[in-house]
Amino acid sequence: MRDNFEFDVNGALLDWYDLHARAMPWRVGPADRASGVRPDPYRVWLSEVMLQQTTVAAVRDYFQRFTARWPTVEALAAAPDEHVMGEWAGLGYYARARNLLKCARVVAEEHGGRFPETHDALLTLPGIGPYTAAAIAAIAFDRPETVLDGNVERVMARLHDIHEPLPGSKPLLKQRAEALTPAIRPGDYAQAVMDLGATICTPKSPACGICPLREPCRARLTGMAPELPKKSPKKPKPTRYGYAYLAGRADGAVLMERRPDKGLLGGMLGWPGSDWSETPVETPPFEADWQVLTGEVRHTFTHFHLILHLRGAVLPDDLEPDGLQIIGKHAFRPSDLPTVMRKAHDLWRGQ
């Protein structure tokens, strides 16, 4: 068998991308790019942050709302924190939203509203790690950086018939991807590999018959493509429990707490509650006739499942809460709450 990389992988992939590139609201397509249209680094950065741990389908509407409301990095930098966190609600991983604001403000205040162009300079910005820096440098500035997401890992594992399971195989997959990253059209190439993994070299039932890289793909030749990449077994997620206390006044005001900046849902408003553990302790925020609400809130975070039991009470007019906030009816927007807290609100209001 001849060396599979006598085949022009880059040429075949870019030719395919020129015809089949996915249309996305943050993307400059290959035809426009060839005519001289340059991507907006702000939109590239915003999309990459949103796409972390999330699907393209889930991100589209969020991206369009964000860019309609804050069309530039300066506009986002000037936005109140709670407005941005409210628009982010539902995307999860709220540390990304906090870092999004930090990064926007650094770019606006320290870089004159212009994103740095190099991988190393991008790494100095809040919330930008190696993958995001490579993606921005390649896609926005056409620098030959290697972008390695789950789609690219899958393409590389199959193309080279690599059987070592993830995550241990990441360094080897990165090495293989780097060897193929071209100096010409690296931004289009990075998006082409990701598109190939998302539309043809899919996790299940890859469409090998129409793949532009079917000829050199070693896993196709060995019949192993659907089995790759292999993954180490995941540990089952534990389940934690907690209590949430929802109190409101007749005028529509509610009692809430601002969560600590660090940790889950950091910096966001939520209902006062107990710790989240296997054996949480009931800790009402004030003495009252707390009613047990029917049902429970179930939510899944990255590392655990959560089951919240809810308690409801009337909020006294003269209460001066220590460390908590009374939010008036017109200032309270349930849509600004993180998803788990919004689920609690909906169950409470339903009763």
Foldseek 3Di string as FASTA:
>chain_A
DDQLVVDQPLVLLLVVQLPDPDDAPQADGPVNVVVPDAGDLVSQLVVVLLPVVHDSVVCRVLSVVCCVQQVALQSLLPDDLLVQLLSCFPSFPCVSSVLSNQQSVCCVPVVVRDQDQALVSNCVRGPDDNQSSQLSNCQRVVAQGQHDDPLQLLQQCQLVVPADAPPVCVVVSSVSRSVNRDSPNNNSSNSSSSVCSVPALDQADHPLVPRSSNRNGPCVVVVNSNVPDHHDDDDDAAEWEWEFEWEEAPQQKTKWAQADQDDGPHRFIATDIWDTGNDTDGDDQDDFDWDWAPDWQWDDDPRHIYIYTYTYGYDDPPDDGDRMDIGGRVRDDLSSHHPSRSVVVVSVVVD
